[in-house]
Amino acid sequence: MQLYSTFRWLILALIQSAALFSQAPQLRLYLEPNTCRPGDLVTLHAEMQSSEYAELSLSIPQHPALHWVAQSEQPLSYNAGSYQQHLTWVLQPLHPGTIELIGIVAQVKMGKLSLDLSVQAPLLTVELDPAVTDSMLPLSEEHLVLPPEHKSLTTWPLLIAVVSLASAALFWQRKRQNRTKDRSTRPPARMPLNELAQALHFDHIPYDQIEALLAQPDLQLSTSTRAALESVAYGPPRTDTLAALRLLLSKEIQR
């Protein structure tokens, strides 16, 4: 009798698992963008569509070449005969190279049953900045050729050129020191977070407002928010970080 009960329980479990697999939802993972530079913000999207009611959760292992900035989850919605859910993670690559996220597990719950699926994210290509690449190239033989001794420059023109360059360098150095002194003695302008959040809704990044915000010594920001703002303010200009900034500032204001 006990053997019969065990066998019956196994049959029911197989039937339920087969029903769950037949109604398995459609999952999609994609990166936006797929190619970037170190310090840029990249968004990993996970989308689910299911004909039956289902809930999605994702387990993503940490990666040594990625900094996890933020995570968000949109409420489960029902549209055009299917249930839809959208999860996002904001990532920041630290080093150039090709990054592959391995070991991602998607858990789908449908009623009392749950299904674990191994999913694969697309590769992320992190390119080295062209300026850095050029600076690392060795000098060609043309640049290493020294002029012959009989064609050396005369003394007076060379002396005049050196004096002119030194005077110009001294002038610009003093001008920069005065500008730095004026900035240090002038109190930073107050820039509330809500004003910056409102400015981001005009589909452009207000770099001046972000720098003014970071200059406030008494402003308390989370580590992830400050890192993201510094990356936008002092990194290479990009236009695909508006959604991530809006999300970070929204959470920062509510904190």
C-alpha atoms as a PDB file:
ATOM      1  CA  MET A   1       0.000   0.000   0.000  1.00  0.00           C
ATOM      2  CA  GLN A   2       2.811   2.406   0.860  1.00  0.00           C
ATOM      3  CA  LEU A   3       4.541   1.621  -2.443  1.00  0.00           C
ATOM      4  CA  TYR A   4       1.304   2.322  -4.292  1.00  0.00           C
ATOM      5  CA  SER A   5       0.906   5.729  -2.540  1.00  0.00           C
ATOM      6  CA  THR A   6       4.461   6.681  -3.400  1.00  0.00           C
ATOM      7  CA  PHE A   7       3.989   5.682  -7.016  1.00  0.00           C
ATOM      8  CA  ARG A   8       0.740   7.650  -7.213  1.00  0.00           C
ATOM      9  CA  TRP A   9       2.402  10.737  -5.753  1.00  0.00           C
ATOM     10  CA  LEU A  10       5.172  10.526  -8.374  1.00  0.00           C
ATOM     11  CA  ILE A  11       2.615  10.241 -11.180  1.00  0.00           C
ATOM     12  CA  LEU A  12       0.755  13.356  -9.942  1.00  0.00           C
ATOM     13  CA  ALA A  13       4.010  15.289  -9.656  1.00  0.00           C
ATOM     14  CA  LEU A  14       4.972  14.383 -13.217  1.00  0.00           C
ATOM     15  CA  ILE A  15       1.553  15.409 -14.511  1.00  0.00           C
ATOM     16  CA  GLN A  16       1.756  18.775 -12.737  1.00  0.00           C
ATOM     17  CA  SER A  17       5.293  19.349 -14.010  1.00  0.00           C
ATOM     18  CA  ALA A  18       4.247  18.511 -17.571  1.00  0.00           C
ATOM     19  CA  ALA A  19       1.340  20.958 -17.312  1.00  0.00           C
ATOM     20  CA  LEU A  20       3.672  23.630 -16.019  1.00  0.00           C
ATOM     21  CA  PHE A  21       6.163  23.071 -18.845  1.00  0.00           C
ATOM     22  CA  SER A  22       3.386  23.232 -21.439  1.00  0.00           C
ATOM     23  CA  GLN A  23       2.320  26.624 -20.083  1.00  0.00           C
ATOM     24  CA  ALA A  24       5.862  27.906 -19.525  1.00  0.00           C
ATOM     25  CA  PRO A  25       6.062  31.673 -20.094  1.00  0.00           C
ATOM     26  CA  GLN A  26       8.306  33.359 -22.616  1.00  0.00           C
ATOM     27  CA  LEU A  27      11.413  34.993 -21.154  1.00  0.00           C
ATOM     28  CA  ARG A  28      13.658  37.557 -22.818  1.00  0.00           C
ATOM     29  CA  LEU A  29      16.923  39.095 -21.557  1.00  0.00           C
ATOM     30  CA  TYR A  30      18.677  41.955 -23.351  1.00  0.00           C
ATOM     31  CA  LEU A  31      21.237  44.678 -22.651  1.00  0.00           C
ATOM     32  CA  GLU A  32      20.913  48.365 -23.475  1.00  0.00           C
ATOM     33  CA  PRO A  33      23.438  49.142 -24.893  1.00  0.00           C
ATOM     34  CA  ASN A  34      25.459  46.052 -25.865  1.00  0.00           C
ATOM     35  CA  THR A  35      28.673  48.050 -26.366  1.00  0.00           C
ATOM     36  CA  CYS A  36      30.009  50.700 -23.987  1.00  0.00           C
ATOM     37  CA  ARG A  37      33.142  52.062 -22.311  1.00  0.00           C
ATOM     38  CA  PRO A  38      34.350  51.611 -18.696  1.00  0.00           C
ATOM     39  CA  GLY A  39      32.238  53.713 -16.325  1.00  0.00           C
ATOM     40  CA  ASP A  40      29.170  53.887 -18.582  1.00  0.00           C
ATOM     41  CA  LEU A  41      25.762  52.816 -17.282  1.00  0.00           C
ATOM     42  CA  VAL A  42      24.235  49.714 -18.872  1.00  0.00           C
ATOM     43  CA  THR A  43      20.710  48.393 -18.259  1.00  0.00           C
ATOM     44  CA  LEU A  44      19.917  44.671 -18.174  1.00  0.00           C
ATOM     45  CA  HIS A  45      16.248  44.020 -19.019  1.00  0.00           C
ATOM     46  CA  ALA A  46      14.274  40.856 -18.201  1.00  0.00           C
ATOM     47  CA  GLU A  47      10.791  40.520 -19.737  1.00  0.00           C
ATOM     48  CA  MET A  48       8.218  37.771 -19.203  1.00  0.00           C
ATOM     49  CA  GLN A  49       4.965  37.022 -21.050  1.00  0.00           C
ATOM     50  CA  SER A  50       2.614  34.255 -19.958  1.00  0.00           C
ATOM     51  CA  SER A  51      -0.880  33.154 -20.908  1.00  0.00           C
ATOM     52  CA  GLU A  52      -1.440  32.063 -17.286  1.00  0.00           C
ATOM     53  CA  TYR A  53      -0.866  34.066 -14.124  1.00  0.00           C
ATOM     54  CA  ALA A  54       2.834  33.831 -13.260  1.00  0.00           C
ATOM     55  CA  GLU A  55       5.426  35.745 -11.253  1.00  0.00           C
ATOM     56  CA  LEU A  56       9.068  36.136 -12.260  1.00  0.00           C
ATOM     57  CA  SER A  57      12.171  36.541 -10.115  1.00  0.00           C
ATOM     58  CA  LEU A  58      15.775  36.488 -11.299  1.00  0.00           C
ATOM     59  CA  SER A  59      18.949  35.443  -9.501  1.00  0.00           C
ATOM     60  CA  ILE A  60      22.082  37.022 -11.013  1.00  0.00           C
ATOM     61  CA  PRO A  61      25.552  36.199  -9.588  1.00  0.00           C
ATOM     62  CA  GLN A  62      27.968  39.022  -8.887  1.00  0.00           C
ATOM     63  CA  HIS A  63      30.639  39.723 -11.507  1.00  0.00           C
ATOM     64  CA  PRO A  64      34.100  41.144 -10.629  1.00  0.00           C
ATOM     65  CA  ALA A  65      34.077  43.457 -13.678  1.00  0.00           C
ATOM     66  CA  LEU A  66      30.620  44.955 -12.946  1.00  0.00           C
ATOM     67  CA  HIS A  67      29.324  47.382 -10.338  1.00  0.00           C
ATOM     68  CA  TRP A  68      25.624  46.947  -9.491  1.00  0.00           C
ATOM     69  CA  VAL A  69      24.060  50.418  -9.334  1.00  0.00           C
ATOM     70  CA  ALA A  70      20.300  49.895  -9.010  1.00  0.00           C
ATOM     71  CA  GLN A  71      17.462  47.415  -9.504  1.00  0.00           C
ATOM     72  CA  SER A  72      13.773  47.987 -10.244  1.00  0.00           C
ATOM     73  CA  GLU A  73      10.674  45.857 -10.806  1.00  0.00           C
ATOM     74  CA  GLN A  74       7.524  46.927 -12.592  1.00  0.00           C
ATOM     75  CA  PRO A  75       4.200  45.555 -11.308  1.00  0.00           C
ATOM     76  CA  LEU A  76       2.733  42.532 -13.049  1.00  0.00           C
ATOM     77  CA  SER A  77       0.296  43.662 -15.750  1.00  0.00           C
ATOM     78  CA  TYR A  78      -2.309  42.001 -17.982  1.00  0.00           C
ATOM     79  CA  ASN A  79      -2.521  43.154 -21.576  1.00  0.00           C
ATOM     80  CA  ALA A  80      -3.889  41.634 -24.799  1.00  0.00           C
ATOM     81  CA  GLY A  81      -4.595  38.260 -23.194  1.00  0.00           C
ATOM     82  CA  SER A  82      -1.198  37.753 -21.524  1.00  0.00           C
ATOM     83  CA  TYR A  83       0.483  38.553 -18.219  1.00  0.00           C
ATOM     84  CA  GLN A  84       3.588  40.708 -18.532  1.00  0.00           C
ATOM     85  CA  GLN A  85       6.386  41.570 -16.123  1.00  0.00           C
ATOM     86  CA  HIS A  86       9.524  43.698 -16.585  1.00  0.00           C
ATOM     87  CA  LEU A  87      12.635  43.714 -14.355  1.00  0.00           C
ATOM     88  CA  THR A  88      15.685  45.964 -14.821  1.00  0.00           C
ATOM     89  CA  TRP A  89      19.206  46.135 -13.372  1.00  0.00           C
ATOM     90  CA  VAL A  90      21.539  49.117 -13.874  1.00  0.00           C
ATOM     91  CA  LEU A  91      25.167  47.993 -14.202  1.00  0.00           C
ATOM     92  CA  GLN A  92      28.471  49.848 -14.521  1.00  0.00           C
ATOM     93  CA  PRO A  93      31.417  48.049 -16.185  1.00  0.00           C
ATOM     94  CA  LEU A  94      34.783  48.682 -14.558  1.00  0.00           C
ATOM     95  CA  HIS A  95      37.281  47.257 -17.059  1.00  0.00           C
ATOM     96  CA  PRO A  96      37.485  46.875 -20.845  1.00  0.00           C
ATOM     97  CA  GLY A  97      36.857  43.476 -22.372  1.00  0.00           C
ATOM     98  CA  THR A  98      33.992  41.065 -23.053  1.00  0.00           C
ATOM     99  CA  ILE A  99      31.740  40.387 -20.053  1.00  0.00           C
ATOM    100  CA  GLU A 100      29.577  37.266 -19.886  1.00  0.00           C
ATOM    101  CA  LEU A 101      26.980  36.827 -17.139  1.00  0.00           C
ATOM    102  CA  ILE A 102      26.987  33.132 -16.203  1.00  0.00           C
ATOM    103  CA  GLY A 103      24.676  31.288 -13.840  1.00  0.00           C
ATOM    104  CA  ILE A 104      21.526  33.407 -14.171  1.00  0.00           C
ATOM    105  CA  VAL A 105      18.488  31.518 -12.843  1.00  0.00           C
ATOM    106  CA  ALA A 106      14.914  32.631 -13.535  1.00  0.00           C
ATOM    107  CA  GLN A 107      12.257  31.379 -11.109  1.00  0.00           C
ATOM    108  CA  VAL A 108       8.683  31.353 -12.392  1.00  0.00           C
ATOM    109  CA  LYS A 109       5.843  30.773  -9.922  1.00  0.00           C
ATOM    110  CA  MET A 110       2.472  29.634 -11.220  1.00  0.00           C
ATOM    111  CA  GLY A 111       0.137  29.024  -8.320  1.00  0.00           C
ATOM    112  CA  LYS A 112       1.692  26.462  -5.979  1.00  0.00           C
ATOM    113  CA  LEU A 113       4.155  25.293  -8.602  1.00  0.00           C
ATOM    114  CA  SER A 114       7.518  26.863  -9.366  1.00  0.00           C
ATOM    115  CA  LEU A 115       9.922  26.382 -12.244  1.00  0.00           C
ATOM    116  CA  ASP A 116      13.638  27.235 -12.262  1.00  0.00           C
ATOM    117  CA  LEU A 117      15.119  28.046 -15.664  1.00  0.00           C
ATOM    118  CA  SER A 118      18.726  28.751 -16.621  1.00  0.00           C
ATOM    119  CA  VAL A 119      18.791  31.815 -18.875  1.00  0.00           C
ATOM    120  CA  GLN A 120      21.636  33.376 -20.833  1.00  0.00           C
ATOM    121  CA  ALA A 121      22.233  37.130 -21.086  1.00  0.00           C
ATOM    122  CA  PRO A 122      23.893  38.576 -24.214  1.00  0.00           C
ATOM    123  CA  LEU A 123      27.582  39.425 -24.127  1.00  0.00           C
ATOM    124  CA  LEU A 124      28.600  42.941 -23.083  1.00  0.00           C
ATOM    125  CA  THR A 125      31.517  44.462 -24.996  1.00  0.00           C
ATOM    126  CA  VAL A 126      33.427  47.113 -23.029  1.00  0.00           C
ATOM    127  CA  GLU A 127      35.715  49.056 -25.352  1.00  0.00           C
ATOM    128  CA  LEU A 128      38.819  50.981 -24.382  1.00  0.00           C
ATOM    129  CA  ASP A 129      38.649  54.725 -24.945  1.00  0.00           C
ATOM    130  CA  PRO A 130      40.322  55.663 -28.291  1.00  0.00           C
ATOM    131  CA  ALA A 131      42.387  58.387 -26.623  1.00  0.00           C
ATOM    132  CA  VAL A 132      43.832  55.878 -24.173  1.00  0.00           C
ATOM    133  CA  THR A 133      44.530  53.417 -26.980  1.00  0.00           C
ATOM    134  CA  ASP A 134      46.413  56.035 -29.015  1.00  0.00           C
ATOM    135  CA  SER A 135      48.500  57.075 -26.019  1.00  0.00           C
ATOM    136  CA  MET A 136      49.666  53.485 -25.532  1.00  0.00           C
ATOM    137  CA  LEU A 137      50.936  53.064 -29.114  1.00  0.00           C
ATOM    138  CA  PRO A 138      54.750  53.158 -29.543  1.00  0.00           C
ATOM    139  CA  LEU A 139      56.345  55.984 -31.479  1.00  0.00           C
ATOM    140  CA  SER A 140      57.170  55.291 -35.106  1.00  0.00           C
ATOM    141  CA  GLU A 141      60.691  55.524 -36.468  1.00  0.00           C
ATOM    142  CA  GLU A 142      59.838  58.853 -38.122  1.00  0.00           C
ATOM    143  CA  HIS A 143      59.266  60.461 -34.736  1.00  0.00           C
ATOM    144  CA  LEU A 144      62.493  59.038 -33.344  1.00  0.00           C
ATOM    145  CA  VAL A 145      64.754  60.461 -36.064  1.00  0.00           C
ATOM    146  CA  LEU A 146      66.873  63.315 -34.719  1.00  0.00           C
ATOM    147  CA  PRO A 147      67.865  66.235 -36.988  1.00  0.00           C
ATOM    148  CA  PRO A 148      71.478  66.222 -38.175  1.00  0.00           C
ATOM    149  CA  GLU A 149      73.950  68.440 -36.323  1.00  0.00           C
ATOM    150  CA  HIS A 150      74.683  70.733 -39.282  1.00  0.00           C
ATOM    151  CA  LYS A 151      70.957  71.677 -39.466  1.00  0.00           C
ATOM    152  CA  SER A 152      70.592  72.752 -35.817  1.00  0.00           C
ATOM    153  CA  LEU A 153      68.507  75.818 -35.032  1.00  0.00           C
ATOM    154  CA  THR A 154      70.113  79.160 -34.335  1.00  0.00           C
ATOM    155  CA  THR A 155      70.329  80.262 -30.724  1.00  0.00           C
ATOM    156  CA  TRP A 156      68.233  83.465 -30.703  1.00  0.00           C
ATOM    157  CA  PRO A 157      65.016  82.181 -32.323  1.00  0.00           C
ATOM    158  CA  LEU A 158      65.069  79.150 -30.028  1.00  0.00           C
ATOM    159  CA  LEU A 159      65.583  81.330 -26.947  1.00  0.00           C
ATOM    160  CA  ILE A 160      62.724  83.651 -27.956  1.00  0.00           C
ATOM    161  CA  ALA A 161      60.393  80.671 -28.494  1.00  0.00           C
ATOM    162  CA  VAL A 162      61.260  79.190 -25.080  1.00  0.00           C
ATOM    163  CA  VAL A 163      60.671  82.513 -23.303  1.00  0.00           C
ATOM    164  CA  SER A 164      57.328  82.997 -25.075  1.00  0.00           C
ATOM    165  CA  LEU A 165      56.117  79.527 -24.148  1.00  0.00           C
ATOM    166  CA  ALA A 166      57.205  79.973 -20.534  1.00  0.00           C
ATOM    167  CA  SER A 167      55.408  83.332 -20.272  1.00  0.00           C
ATOM    168  CA  ALA A 168      52.211  81.871 -21.741  1.00  0.00           C
ATOM    169  CA  ALA A 169      52.346  78.883 -19.380  1.00  0.00           C
ATOM    170  CA  LEU A 170      52.848  81.172 -16.364  1.00  0.00           C
ATOM    171  CA  PHE A 171      49.915  83.361 -17.437  1.00  0.00           C
ATOM    172  CA  TRP A 172      47.507  80.440 -17.787  1.00  0.00           C
ATOM    173  CA  GLN A 173      48.695  78.892 -14.523  1.00  0.00           C
ATOM    174  CA  ARG A 174      47.975  82.108 -12.591  1.00  0.00           C
ATOM    175  CA  LYS A 175      44.595  82.434 -14.304  1.00  0.00           C
ATOM    176  CA  ARG A 176      43.678  78.868 -13.349  1.00  0.00           C
ATOM    177  CA  GLN A 177      44.801  79.415  -9.746  1.00  0.00           C
ATOM    178  CA  ASN A 178      42.640  82.543  -9.485  1.00  0.00           C
ATOM    179  CA  ARG A 179      39.659  80.694 -10.918  1.00  0.00           C
ATOM    180  CA  THR A 180      40.167  77.826  -8.458  1.00  0.00           C
ATOM    181  CA  LYS A 181      40.471  80.306  -5.586  1.00  0.00           C
ATOM    182  CA  ASP A 182      37.224  81.990  -6.576  1.00  0.00           C
ATOM    183  CA  ARG A 183      35.440  78.644  -6.669  1.00  0.00           C
ATOM    184  CA  SER A 184      36.797  77.607  -3.250  1.00  0.00           C
ATOM    185  CA  THR A 185      35.767  80.859  -1.558  1.00  0.00           C
ATOM    186  CA  ARG A 186      32.319  80.971  -3.167  1.00  0.00           C
ATOM    187  CA  PRO A 187      29.687  78.846  -1.394  1.00  0.00           C
ATOM    188  CA  PRO A 188      28.185  76.140  -3.628  1.00  0.00           C
ATOM    189  CA  ALA A 189      24.735  76.791  -4.992  1.00  0.00           C
ATOM    190  CA  ARG A 190      21.941  74.833  -3.401  1.00  0.00           C
ATOM    191  CA  MET A 191      20.523  72.293  -5.790  1.00  0.00           C
ATOM    192  CA  PRO A 192      17.771  70.096  -4.331  1.00  0.00           C
ATOM    193  CA  LEU A 193      17.410  66.602  -5.698  1.00  0.00           C
ATOM    194  CA  ASN A 194      13.817  67.194  -6.807  1.00  0.00           C
ATOM    195  CA  GLU A 195      14.889  70.059  -9.107  1.00  0.00           C
ATOM    196  CA  LEU A 196      17.448  67.807 -10.783  1.00  0.00           C
ATOM    197  CA  ALA A 197      14.821  65.054 -11.118  1.00  0.00           C
ATOM    198  CA  GLN A 198      12.444  67.524 -12.785  1.00  0.00           C
ATOM    199  CA  ALA A 199      15.174  68.673 -15.185  1.00  0.00           C
ATOM    200  CA  LEU A 200      15.776  65.067 -16.317  1.00  0.00           C
ATOM    201  CA  HIS A 201      12.213  64.842 -17.642  1.00  0.00           C
ATOM    202  CA  PHE A 202      13.120  67.240 -20.493  1.00  0.00           C
ATOM    203  CA  ASP A 203      15.107  64.418 -22.198  1.00  0.00           C
ATOM    204  CA  HIS A 204      18.504  65.990 -21.671  1.00  0.00           C
ATOM    205  CA  ILE A 205      21.199  65.666 -19.017  1.00  0.00           C
ATOM    206  CA  PRO A 206      21.846  68.944 -17.099  1.00  0.00           C
ATOM    207  CA  TYR A 207      25.580  68.545 -16.498  1.00  0.00           C
ATOM    208  CA  ASP A 208      25.904  71.959 -14.742  1.00  0.00           C
ATOM    209  CA  GLN A 209      23.182  71.050 -12.245  1.00  0.00           C
ATOM    210  CA  ILE A 210      24.782  67.671 -11.538  1.00  0.00           C
ATOM    211  CA  GLU A 211      28.188  69.282 -10.866  1.00  0.00           C
ATOM    212  CA  ALA A 212      26.560  71.884  -8.604  1.00  0.00           C
ATOM    213  CA  LEU A 213      24.779  69.096  -6.743  1.00  0.00           C
ATOM    214  CA  LEU A 214      27.992  67.117  -6.206  1.00  0.00           C
ATOM    215  CA  ALA A 215      29.754  70.279  -4.948  1.00  0.00           C
ATOM    216  CA  GLN A 216      27.460  70.575  -1.932  1.00  0.00           C
ATOM    217  CA  PRO A 217      29.492  69.354   1.073  1.00  0.00           C
ATOM    218  CA  ASP A 218      26.473  68.779   3.333  1.00  0.00           C
ATOM    219  CA  LEU A 219      24.444  66.796   0.804  1.00  0.00           C
ATOM    220  CA  GLN A 220      24.047  63.156   1.814  1.00  0.00           C
ATOM    221  CA  LEU A 221      23.790  60.706  -1.066  1.00  0.00           C
ATOM    222  CA  SER A 222      23.974  56.947  -1.227  1.00  0.00           C
ATOM    223  CA  THR A 223      27.155  55.472  -2.621  1.00  0.00           C
ATOM    224  CA  SER A 224      25.445  54.143  -5.763  1.00  0.00           C
ATOM    225  CA  THR A 225      23.728  57.476  -6.522  1.00  0.00           C
ATOM    226  CA  ARG A 226      26.912  59.530  -6.063  1.00  0.00           C
ATOM    227  CA  ALA A 227      28.899  57.097  -8.235  1.00  0.00           C
ATOM    228  CA  ALA A 228      26.301  57.296 -11.001  1.00  0.00           C
ATOM    229  CA  LEU A 229      26.180  61.121 -10.897  1.00  0.00           C
ATOM    230  CA  GLU A 230      29.989  61.391 -10.955  1.00  0.00           C
ATOM    231  CA  SER A 231      30.125  58.998 -13.912  1.00  0.00           C
ATOM    232  CA  VAL A 232      27.658  61.163 -15.849  1.00  0.00           C
ATOM    233  CA  ALA A 233      29.249  64.489 -14.855  1.00  0.00           C
ATOM    234  CA  TYR A 234      32.896  63.603 -15.458  1.00  0.00           C
ATOM    235  CA  GLY A 235      32.698  60.648 -17.859  1.00  0.00           C
ATOM    236  CA  PRO A 236      32.237  60.647 -21.630  1.00  0.00           C
ATOM    237  CA  PRO A 237      28.881  62.183 -22.690  1.00  0.00           C
ATOM    238  CA  ARG A 238      26.091  59.692 -23.393  1.00  0.00           C
ATOM    239  CA  THR A 239      22.340  59.975 -23.905  1.00  0.00           C
ATOM    240  CA  ASP A 240      21.210  56.530 -22.779  1.00  0.00           C
ATOM    241  CA  THR A 241      21.480  57.184 -19.016  1.00  0.00           C
ATOM    242  CA  LEU A 242      18.307  59.265 -18.521  1.00  0.00           C
ATOM    243  CA  ALA A 243      16.130  56.352 -17.401  1.00  0.00           C
ATOM    244  CA  ALA A 244      18.750  55.102 -14.939  1.00  0.00           C
ATOM    245  CA  LEU A 245      19.238  58.592 -13.452  1.00  0.00           C
ATOM    246  CA  ARG A 246      15.502  59.113 -13.075  1.00  0.00           C
ATOM    247  CA  LEU A 247      15.215  55.798 -11.259  1.00  0.00           C
ATOM    248  CA  LEU A 248      18.130  56.524  -8.902  1.00  0.00           C
ATOM    249  CA  LEU A 249      16.938  60.034  -8.019  1.00  0.00           C
ATOM    250  CA  SER A 250      13.392  58.805  -7.448  1.00  0.00           C
ATOM    251  CA  LYS A 251      14.632  56.261  -4.919  1.00  0.00           C
ATOM    252  CA  GLU A 252      17.026  58.800  -3.361  1.00  0.00           C
ATOM    253  CA  ILE A 253      14.243  61.355  -2.832  1.00  0.00           C
ATOM    254  CA  GLN A 254      11.984  58.762  -1.214  1.00  0.00           C
ATOM    255  CA  ARG A 255      14.785  57.508   1.035  1.00  0.00           C
END
